[in-house]
Every structure is written in structure tokens, then in C-alpha cells.
Amino acid sequence: MRRNGRGCGRLAVAAGTVIFMALILPSWFWWMICAGLLVCGGIWMTRC
């Protein structure tokens, strides 16, 4: 049986995009993204 390698390709593209954006965007943007993810994750965890 042969495995489908699309998942690894998408992961590599996503990681490359994030690294490229990290070089361009300022650090405060990433702190805002992390804060937003924590808030949304906390709301999602309390509702489940």
C-alpha cells in the first residue's frame, strides 16, 4: 500500500509561510495572534 503524501506537503507549505511572515511582520503582531488564540481556545474549552 502506498501512503498519500499530501499532508506533509501542506504542512511544509504552511510552515514555510509562517517563517516567511515572521521575517516580514513585526513581533507585536505575533503576540496579538497568540493572545487571540489563547482567548478563543479558552472560550472553546469552557463550552465543550
C-alpha atoms as a PDB file:
ATOM      1  CA  MET A   1       0.000   0.000   0.000  1.00  0.00           C
ATOM      2  CA  ARG A   2       1.124   3.483  -0.800  1.00  0.00           C
ATOM      3  CA  ARG A   3       0.603   6.418   1.527  1.00  0.00           C
ATOM      4  CA  ASN A   4      -0.722   9.733   0.372  1.00  0.00           C
ATOM      5  CA  GLY A   5       1.908  12.429   0.966  1.00  0.00           C
ATOM      6  CA  ARG A   6      -0.338  15.469   0.595  1.00  0.00           C
ATOM      7  CA  GLY A   7      -0.497  16.126   4.343  1.00  0.00           C
ATOM      8  CA  CYS A   8       3.271  16.534   4.604  1.00  0.00           C
ATOM      9  CA  GLY A   9       3.355  18.875   1.622  1.00  0.00           C
ATOM     10  CA  ARG A  10       0.662  21.083   3.081  1.00  0.00           C
ATOM     11  CA  LEU A  11       2.438  21.127   6.425  1.00  0.00           C
ATOM     12  CA  ALA A  12       5.689  22.171   4.735  1.00  0.00           C
ATOM     13  CA  VAL A  13       3.932  24.962   2.821  1.00  0.00           C
ATOM     14  CA  ALA A  14       2.221  26.198   5.999  1.00  0.00           C
ATOM     15  CA  ALA A  15       5.486  26.155   7.963  1.00  0.00           C
ATOM     16  CA  GLY A  16       7.302  27.989   5.183  1.00  0.00           C
ATOM     17  CA  THR A  17       4.568  30.617   5.016  1.00  0.00           C
ATOM     18  CA  VAL A  18       4.700  31.194   8.772  1.00  0.00           C
ATOM     19  CA  ILE A  19       8.501  31.509   8.724  1.00  0.00           C
ATOM     20  CA  PHE A  20       8.334  33.941   5.795  1.00  0.00           C
ATOM     21  CA  MET A  21       5.671  36.018   7.542  1.00  0.00           C
ATOM     22  CA  ALA A  22       7.751  36.029  10.734  1.00  0.00           C
ATOM     23  CA  LEU A  23      10.553  37.742   8.829  1.00  0.00           C
ATOM     24  CA  ILE A  24       8.234  40.421   7.445  1.00  0.00           C
ATOM     25  CA  LEU A  25       5.687  41.136  10.174  1.00  0.00           C
ATOM     26  CA  PRO A  26       6.577  42.883  13.463  1.00  0.00           C
ATOM     27  CA  SER A  27       6.734  40.975  16.734  1.00  0.00           C
ATOM     28  CA  TRP A  28       3.658  42.673  18.259  1.00  0.00           C
ATOM     29  CA  PHE A  29       1.533  41.071  15.535  1.00  0.00           C
ATOM     30  CA  TRP A  30       2.545  37.588  16.706  1.00  0.00           C
ATOM     31  CA  TRP A  31       1.795  38.491  20.327  1.00  0.00           C
ATOM     32  CA  MET A  32      -1.689  39.577  19.252  1.00  0.00           C
ATOM     33  CA  ILE A  33      -2.171  36.297  17.348  1.00  0.00           C
ATOM     34  CA  CYS A  34      -1.063  34.274  20.396  1.00  0.00           C
ATOM     35  CA  ALA A  35      -3.361  36.255  22.693  1.00  0.00           C
ATOM     36  CA  GLY A  36      -6.293  35.774  20.339  1.00  0.00           C
ATOM     37  CA  LEU A  37      -5.649  32.040  20.105  1.00  0.00           C
ATOM     38  CA  LEU A  38      -5.486  31.746  23.884  1.00  0.00           C
ATOM     39  CA  VAL A  39      -8.761  33.635  24.336  1.00  0.00           C
ATOM     40  CA  CYS A  40     -10.565  31.652  21.623  1.00  0.00           C
ATOM     41  CA  GLY A  41      -9.138  28.382  22.932  1.00  0.00           C
ATOM     42  CA  GLY A  42     -10.258  29.213  26.459  1.00  0.00           C
ATOM     43  CA  ILE A  43     -13.783  30.031  25.293  1.00  0.00           C
ATOM     44  CA  TRP A  44     -13.895  26.838  23.223  1.00  0.00           C
ATOM     45  CA  MET A  45     -12.670  24.722  26.173  1.00  0.00           C
ATOM     46  CA  THR A  46     -15.295  26.148  28.543  1.00  0.00           C
ATOM     47  CA  ARG A  47     -18.096  25.441  26.078  1.00  0.00           C
ATOM     48  CA  CYS A  48     -17.128  21.817  25.425  1.00  0.00           C
END
